[in-house]
Amino acid sequence: MNYWLVKSEPFKYSWEQFLKDGRTFWDGVRNYQARNNLREMKEGDLVLFYHSNEGKQVVGVAKVVKEFYQDPTTEDPNWVVVDLVPVETLKKPVTLAQIKADEYLQDISLVRQGRLSVMSLKVAEFDRIISLGS
């Protein structure tokens, strides 16, 4: 199993809307590194859901339920989506400030490549963020 973090601005697509929808395809990715990460996602992988710009915090956990396919919002074959379902809401959101201050999380892409919207995490990093949100 692999572990990931995806970012969404709450005014565009919030965790609360995701919970209401129950399933979504993760679209709008127009960065090649983020796109390549989508292509690496496998069914069953776990994904942290991060509110960017407003809030700047990890708010929940999702799961990949369908591997990459053509992004239905564009005819450009370069862009793909995956399907996600919500798994659980964190008891306490984990803020970017907490993540930056944590010695175990200094090397994650959220800290090193702030603009990347889809990033991989090591299991220890994923587990650490989950523990901070418990």
N, C-alpha and C. Protein backbone atom coordinates (compact mmCIF):
# COMPACT_ATOMS: atom_id res chain seq x y z
N MET A 1 0.84 -1.18 0.00
CA MET A 1 0.00 0.00 0.00
C MET A 1 0.88 1.24 0.00
N ASN A 2 0.41 2.26 -0.72
CA ASN A 2 1.11 3.54 -0.75
C ASN A 2 0.26 4.59 -0.05
N TYR A 3 0.91 5.70 0.27
CA TYR A 3 0.26 6.77 1.03
C TYR A 3 0.49 8.10 0.31
N TRP A 4 -0.53 8.94 0.35
CA TRP A 4 -0.54 10.17 -0.44
C TRP A 4 -1.15 11.31 0.34
N LEU A 5 -0.96 12.51 -0.17
CA LEU A 5 -1.64 13.70 0.31
C LEU A 5 -2.11 14.46 -0.91
N VAL A 6 -3.39 14.86 -0.89
CA VAL A 6 -3.94 15.71 -1.96
C VAL A 6 -4.42 17.01 -1.34
N LYS A 7 -4.31 18.06 -2.11
CA LYS A 7 -4.68 19.39 -1.63
C LYS A 7 -5.87 19.93 -2.42
N SER A 8 -6.76 20.60 -1.69
CA SER A 8 -7.89 21.26 -2.33
C SER A 8 -8.22 22.53 -1.56
N GLU A 9 -8.50 23.58 -2.30
CA GLU A 9 -8.96 24.80 -1.66
C GLU A 9 -10.41 24.57 -1.23
N PRO A 10 -10.73 24.81 0.05
CA PRO A 10 -12.06 24.50 0.55
C PRO A 10 -13.20 25.17 -0.23
N PHE A 11 -12.96 26.36 -0.76
CA PHE A 11 -14.03 27.02 -1.50
C PHE A 11 -14.28 26.35 -2.86
N LYS A 12 -13.29 25.58 -3.34
CA LYS A 12 -13.47 24.84 -4.60
C LYS A 12 -14.04 23.45 -4.35
N TYR A 13 -13.46 22.74 -3.39
CA TYR A 13 -13.96 21.41 -3.03
C TYR A 13 -13.49 21.10 -1.62
N SER A 14 -14.41 21.14 -0.68
CA SER A 14 -14.07 20.96 0.73
C SER A 14 -14.25 19.52 1.18
N TRP A 15 -13.66 19.21 2.31
CA TRP A 15 -13.85 17.90 2.93
C TRP A 15 -15.33 17.66 3.21
N GLU A 16 -16.02 18.70 3.66
CA GLU A 16 -17.44 18.58 3.97
C GLU A 16 -18.24 18.21 2.71
N GLN A 17 -17.90 18.82 1.58
CA GLN A 17 -18.58 18.48 0.33
C GLN A 17 -18.24 17.05 -0.09
N PHE A 18 -17.01 16.65 0.11
CA PHE A 18 -16.57 15.29 -0.20
C PHE A 18 -17.38 14.28 0.62
N LEU A 19 -17.56 14.57 1.91
CA LEU A 19 -18.36 13.69 2.76
C LEU A 19 -19.79 13.58 2.24
N LYS A 20 -20.37 14.70 1.81
CA LYS A 20 -21.73 14.70 1.27
C LYS A 20 -21.79 13.88 -0.03
N ASP A 21 -20.79 14.07 -0.89
CA ASP A 21 -20.77 13.38 -2.18
C ASP A 21 -20.53 11.87 -2.01
N GLY A 22 -19.69 11.51 -1.05
CA GLY A 22 -19.39 10.10 -0.81
C GLY A 22 -18.38 9.48 -1.75
N ARG A 23 -18.11 10.14 -2.86
CA ARG A 23 -17.13 9.67 -3.84
C ARG A 23 -16.88 10.82 -4.81
N THR A 24 -15.66 10.91 -5.29
CA THR A 24 -15.34 11.92 -6.29
C THR A 24 -14.18 11.45 -7.15
N PHE A 25 -14.06 12.06 -8.34
CA PHE A 25 -12.82 11.87 -9.09
C PHE A 25 -11.97 13.10 -8.84
N TRP A 26 -10.67 12.88 -8.71
CA TRP A 26 -9.75 13.96 -8.36
C TRP A 26 -9.25 14.60 -9.64
N ASP A 27 -9.88 15.72 -10.02
CA ASP A 27 -9.58 16.36 -11.31
C ASP A 27 -8.88 17.69 -11.13
N GLY A 28 -8.57 18.30 -12.24
CA GLY A 28 -7.98 19.63 -12.23
C GLY A 28 -6.47 19.66 -12.06
N VAL A 29 -5.83 18.51 -11.98
CA VAL A 29 -4.38 18.46 -11.82
C VAL A 29 -3.73 18.80 -13.15
N ARG A 30 -2.93 19.86 -13.16
CA ARG A 30 -2.28 20.30 -14.39
C ARG A 30 -0.78 20.52 -14.18
N ASN A 31 -0.21 19.74 -13.30
CA ASN A 31 1.22 19.75 -13.03
C ASN A 31 1.70 18.32 -13.31
N TYR A 32 2.79 18.19 -14.07
CA TYR A 32 3.23 16.85 -14.50
C TYR A 32 3.66 15.98 -13.32
N GLN A 33 4.33 16.55 -12.33
CA GLN A 33 4.74 15.74 -11.18
C GLN A 33 3.52 15.24 -10.41
N ALA A 34 2.53 16.12 -10.20
CA ALA A 34 1.30 15.72 -9.52
C ALA A 34 0.55 14.68 -10.35
N ARG A 35 0.50 14.87 -11.66
CA ARG A 35 -0.15 13.92 -12.56
C ARG A 35 0.52 12.55 -12.47
N ASN A 36 1.85 12.54 -12.45
CA ASN A 36 2.58 11.29 -12.34
C ASN A 36 2.26 10.58 -11.02
N ASN A 37 2.08 11.37 -9.97
CA ASN A 37 1.68 10.79 -8.69
C ASN A 37 0.29 10.16 -8.78
N LEU A 38 -0.64 10.82 -9.46
CA LEU A 38 -1.97 10.22 -9.67
C LEU A 38 -1.85 8.88 -10.39
N ARG A 39 -0.96 8.82 -11.37
CA ARG A 39 -0.77 7.59 -12.13
C ARG A 39 -0.20 6.46 -11.28
N GLU A 40 0.50 6.82 -10.21
CA GLU A 40 1.09 5.81 -9.32
C GLU A 40 0.11 5.28 -8.28
N MET A 41 -1.00 5.97 -8.09
CA MET A 41 -1.96 5.57 -7.06
C MET A 41 -2.61 4.24 -7.44
N LYS A 42 -2.76 3.38 -6.43
CA LYS A 42 -3.36 2.06 -6.62
C LYS A 42 -4.62 1.94 -5.77
N GLU A 43 -5.54 1.12 -6.23
CA GLU A 43 -6.76 0.88 -5.47
C GLU A 43 -6.39 0.42 -4.06
N GLY A 44 -7.01 1.05 -3.06
CA GLY A 44 -6.74 0.73 -1.66
C GLY A 44 -5.74 1.64 -0.99
N ASP A 45 -4.97 2.42 -1.76
CA ASP A 45 -4.03 3.38 -1.17
C ASP A 45 -4.80 4.39 -0.32
N LEU A 46 -4.16 4.86 0.75
CA LEU A 46 -4.77 5.86 1.62
C LEU A 46 -4.22 7.24 1.30
N VAL A 47 -5.11 8.24 1.44
CA VAL A 47 -4.82 9.60 0.99
C VAL A 47 -5.24 10.59 2.07
N LEU A 48 -4.32 11.46 2.49
CA LEU A 48 -4.69 12.54 3.39
C LEU A 48 -5.29 13.68 2.57
N PHE A 49 -6.35 14.27 3.07
CA PHE A 49 -7.05 15.36 2.40
C PHE A 49 -6.67 16.65 3.12
N TYR A 50 -6.04 17.57 2.38
CA TYR A 50 -5.49 18.81 2.94
C TYR A 50 -6.23 20.01 2.37
N HIS A 51 -6.72 20.87 3.25
CA HIS A 51 -7.31 22.14 2.81
C HIS A 51 -6.19 23.15 2.61
N SER A 52 -6.01 23.61 1.39
CA SER A 52 -4.96 24.59 1.09
C SER A 52 -5.53 26.00 1.10
N ASN A 53 -4.66 26.97 1.16
CA ASN A 53 -4.98 28.39 1.17
C ASN A 53 -5.81 28.79 2.39
N GLU A 54 -7.05 28.32 2.51
CA GLU A 54 -7.86 28.60 3.70
C GLU A 54 -7.76 27.42 4.64
N GLY A 55 -7.32 27.67 5.85
CA GLY A 55 -7.21 26.59 6.82
C GLY A 55 -5.82 25.99 6.88
N LYS A 56 -5.28 25.63 5.73
CA LYS A 56 -3.96 25.01 5.64
C LYS A 56 -3.82 23.90 6.68
N GLN A 57 -4.64 22.83 6.47
CA GLN A 57 -4.63 21.75 7.44
C GLN A 57 -5.12 20.44 6.83
N VAL A 58 -4.58 19.34 7.34
CA VAL A 58 -5.06 18.02 6.97
C VAL A 58 -6.34 17.78 7.78
N VAL A 59 -7.42 17.42 7.08
CA VAL A 59 -8.72 17.31 7.75
C VAL A 59 -9.30 15.90 7.72
N GLY A 60 -8.82 15.03 6.82
CA GLY A 60 -9.41 13.71 6.73
C GLY A 60 -8.56 12.73 5.96
N VAL A 61 -9.07 11.49 5.93
CA VAL A 61 -8.42 10.40 5.22
C VAL A 61 -9.38 9.86 4.17
N ALA A 62 -8.87 9.65 2.97
CA ALA A 62 -9.65 9.07 1.87
C ALA A 62 -8.95 7.81 1.39
N LYS A 63 -9.63 7.11 0.48
CA LYS A 63 -9.05 5.89 -0.09
C LYS A 63 -9.26 5.90 -1.60
N VAL A 64 -8.26 5.42 -2.32
CA VAL A 64 -8.36 5.27 -3.78
C VAL A 64 -9.25 4.06 -4.07
N VAL A 65 -10.32 4.28 -4.85
CA VAL A 65 -11.21 3.17 -5.21
C VAL A 65 -11.21 2.88 -6.71
N LYS A 66 -10.58 3.76 -7.50
CA LYS A 66 -10.41 3.50 -8.92
C LYS A 66 -9.11 4.14 -9.36
N GLU A 67 -8.28 3.36 -10.02
CA GLU A 67 -6.98 3.86 -10.48
C GLU A 67 -7.15 4.79 -11.67
N PHE A 68 -6.07 5.43 -12.07
CA PHE A 68 -6.13 6.54 -13.02
C PHE A 68 -6.82 6.21 -14.33
N TYR A 69 -7.50 7.24 -14.83
CA TYR A 69 -8.14 7.18 -16.14
C TYR A 69 -8.21 8.61 -16.67
N GLN A 70 -8.57 8.76 -17.93
CA GLN A 70 -8.61 10.06 -18.59
C GLN A 70 -9.47 11.05 -17.79
N ASP A 71 -8.95 12.24 -17.56
CA ASP A 71 -9.69 13.29 -16.87
C ASP A 71 -10.89 13.68 -17.73
N PRO A 72 -12.12 13.47 -17.24
CA PRO A 72 -13.30 13.76 -18.05
C PRO A 72 -13.56 15.26 -18.24
N THR A 73 -12.81 16.11 -17.56
CA THR A 73 -13.01 17.55 -17.71
C THR A 73 -12.19 18.15 -18.84
N THR A 74 -11.37 17.31 -19.50
CA THR A 74 -10.55 17.78 -20.61
C THR A 74 -10.39 16.67 -21.65
N GLU A 75 -10.21 17.08 -22.89
CA GLU A 75 -9.93 16.10 -23.93
C GLU A 75 -8.44 15.83 -24.09
N ASP A 76 -7.61 16.58 -23.38
CA ASP A 76 -6.17 16.41 -23.44
C ASP A 76 -5.78 15.10 -22.76
N PRO A 77 -5.21 14.15 -23.50
CA PRO A 77 -4.89 12.84 -22.94
C PRO A 77 -3.76 12.85 -21.90
N ASN A 78 -3.10 14.00 -21.74
CA ASN A 78 -2.03 14.08 -20.74
C ASN A 78 -2.54 14.06 -19.31
N TRP A 79 -3.82 14.36 -19.09
CA TRP A 79 -4.31 14.56 -17.74
C TRP A 79 -5.24 13.43 -17.31
N VAL A 80 -5.06 13.00 -16.07
CA VAL A 80 -5.79 11.86 -15.53
C VAL A 80 -6.43 12.19 -14.19
N VAL A 81 -7.32 11.32 -13.76
CA VAL A 81 -7.96 11.43 -12.45
C VAL A 81 -7.93 10.05 -11.78
N VAL A 82 -8.18 10.02 -10.49
CA VAL A 82 -8.46 8.79 -9.75
C VAL A 82 -9.75 9.03 -8.98
N ASP A 83 -10.42 7.95 -8.61
CA ASP A 83 -11.62 8.06 -7.78
C ASP A 83 -11.25 7.84 -6.33
N LEU A 84 -11.79 8.70 -5.47
CA LEU A 84 -11.56 8.63 -4.03
C LEU A 84 -12.88 8.55 -3.28
N VAL A 85 -12.85 7.90 -2.12
CA VAL A 85 -13.97 7.91 -1.18
C VAL A 85 -13.43 8.35 0.17
N PRO A 86 -14.25 9.06 0.96
CA PRO A 86 -13.80 9.43 2.30
C PRO A 86 -13.78 8.22 3.23
N VAL A 87 -12.81 8.18 4.12
CA VAL A 87 -12.69 7.10 5.10
C VAL A 87 -13.03 7.61 6.49
N GLU A 88 -12.36 8.70 6.91
CA GLU A 88 -12.64 9.26 8.23
C GLU A 88 -12.18 10.70 8.31
N THR A 89 -12.87 11.44 9.17
CA THR A 89 -12.49 12.81 9.50
C THR A 89 -11.54 12.74 10.68
N LEU A 90 -10.45 13.52 10.62
CA LEU A 90 -9.54 13.55 11.76
C LEU A 90 -10.24 14.21 12.95
N LYS A 91 -9.95 13.71 14.15
CA LYS A 91 -10.54 14.29 15.35
C LYS A 91 -10.12 15.75 15.51
N LYS A 92 -8.84 16.01 15.20
CA LYS A 92 -8.29 17.37 15.24
C LYS A 92 -7.57 17.61 13.91
N PRO A 93 -7.92 18.67 13.19
CA PRO A 93 -7.16 18.98 11.99
C PRO A 93 -5.68 19.18 12.33
N VAL A 94 -4.81 18.79 11.42
CA VAL A 94 -3.36 18.94 11.61
C VAL A 94 -2.92 20.09 10.71
N THR A 95 -2.48 21.18 11.33
CA THR A 95 -2.15 22.38 10.59
C THR A 95 -0.78 22.29 9.93
N LEU A 96 -0.62 23.13 8.92
CA LEU A 96 0.68 23.24 8.26
C LEU A 96 1.74 23.66 9.26
N ALA A 97 1.40 24.55 10.18
CA ALA A 97 2.36 24.99 11.19
C ALA A 97 2.82 23.81 12.05
N GLN A 98 1.88 22.93 12.44
CA GLN A 98 2.25 21.74 13.22
C GLN A 98 3.18 20.84 12.42
N ILE A 99 2.85 20.66 11.15
CA ILE A 99 3.65 19.80 10.29
C ILE A 99 5.06 20.36 10.13
N LYS A 100 5.16 21.66 9.87
CA LYS A 100 6.48 22.28 9.71
C LYS A 100 7.30 22.22 10.99
N ALA A 101 6.63 22.24 12.14
CA ALA A 101 7.33 22.23 13.42
C ALA A 101 7.74 20.83 13.87
N ASP A 102 7.22 19.81 13.21
CA ASP A 102 7.47 18.43 13.62
C ASP A 102 8.76 17.91 13.00
N GLU A 103 9.68 17.46 13.83
CA GLU A 103 10.98 17.00 13.33
C GLU A 103 10.87 15.81 12.39
N TYR A 104 9.82 15.01 12.52
CA TYR A 104 9.66 13.82 11.68
C TYR A 104 9.05 14.14 10.31
N LEU A 105 8.62 15.36 10.11
CA LEU A 105 7.91 15.71 8.88
C LEU A 105 8.63 16.76 8.04
N GLN A 106 9.87 17.00 8.32
CA GLN A 106 10.62 18.06 7.63
C GLN A 106 10.86 17.79 6.15
N ASP A 107 10.85 16.52 5.75
CA ASP A 107 11.19 16.19 4.38
C ASP A 107 9.99 15.94 3.48
N ILE A 108 8.77 16.09 3.99
CA ILE A 108 7.62 15.81 3.13
C ILE A 108 7.45 16.92 2.09
N SER A 109 6.85 16.57 0.99
CA SER A 109 6.69 17.53 -0.11
C SER A 109 5.84 18.72 0.28
N LEU A 110 4.92 18.54 1.22
CA LEU A 110 4.09 19.66 1.67
C LEU A 110 4.96 20.78 2.23
N VAL A 111 6.07 20.43 2.83
CA VAL A 111 7.01 21.41 3.38
C VAL A 111 8.00 21.85 2.30
N ARG A 112 8.53 20.91 1.52
CA ARG A 112 9.58 21.22 0.55
C ARG A 112 9.06 21.77 -0.76
N GLN A 113 7.87 21.33 -1.21
CA GLN A 113 7.31 21.75 -2.49
C GLN A 113 5.86 22.20 -2.26
N GLY A 114 5.72 23.33 -1.63
CA GLY A 114 4.42 23.80 -1.18
C GLY A 114 3.34 23.89 -2.24
N ARG A 115 3.70 24.01 -3.51
CA ARG A 115 2.69 24.18 -4.56
C ARG A 115 2.25 22.86 -5.19
N LEU A 116 2.91 21.77 -4.84
CA LEU A 116 2.56 20.47 -5.41
C LEU A 116 1.22 20.01 -4.82
N SER A 117 0.27 19.62 -5.67
CA SER A 117 -1.09 19.33 -5.20
C SER A 117 -1.36 17.85 -4.92
N VAL A 118 -0.52 16.96 -5.42
CA VAL A 118 -0.65 15.53 -5.16
C VAL A 118 0.75 15.02 -4.87
N MET A 119 0.94 14.46 -3.66
CA MET A 119 2.29 14.06 -3.26
C MET A 119 2.28 12.73 -2.53
N SER A 120 3.37 12.03 -2.62
CA SER A 120 3.50 10.76 -1.90
C SER A 120 4.01 11.03 -0.49
N LEU A 121 3.68 10.09 0.39
CA LEU A 121 4.16 10.13 1.77
C LEU A 121 4.73 8.75 2.11
N LYS A 122 5.72 8.72 2.99
CA LYS A 122 6.19 7.47 3.55
C LYS A 122 5.18 7.05 4.61
N VAL A 123 5.12 5.75 4.87
CA VAL A 123 4.17 5.26 5.87
C VAL A 123 4.38 5.94 7.22
N ALA A 124 5.63 6.16 7.62
CA ALA A 124 5.91 6.80 8.91
C ALA A 124 5.40 8.24 8.94
N GLU A 125 5.48 8.93 7.79
CA GLU A 125 4.97 10.31 7.71
C GLU A 125 3.46 10.32 7.80
N PHE A 126 2.83 9.41 7.07
CA PHE A 126 1.37 9.29 7.11
C PHE A 126 0.92 9.01 8.54
N ASP A 127 1.55 8.01 9.15
CA ASP A 127 1.19 7.63 10.52
C ASP A 127 1.39 8.77 11.51
N ARG A 128 2.45 9.53 11.32
CA ARG A 128 2.73 10.66 12.21
C ARG A 128 1.63 11.71 12.12
N ILE A 129 1.22 12.04 10.92
CA ILE A 129 0.15 13.03 10.73
C ILE A 129 -1.15 12.51 11.34
N ILE A 130 -1.45 11.23 11.13
CA ILE A 130 -2.65 10.63 11.72
C ILE A 130 -2.58 10.74 13.25
N SER A 131 -1.43 10.46 13.83
CA SER A 131 -1.31 10.52 15.29
C SER A 131 -1.48 11.97 15.80
N LEU A 132 -1.01 12.93 15.03
CA LEU A 132 -1.19 14.34 15.42
C LEU A 132 -2.67 14.74 15.37
N GLY A 133 -3.42 14.06 14.52
CA GLY A 133 -4.85 14.38 14.37
C GLY A 133 -5.77 13.57 15.26
N SER A 134 -5.19 12.72 16.11
CA SER A 134 -6.01 11.85 16.98
C SER A 134 -6.36 12.53 18.29
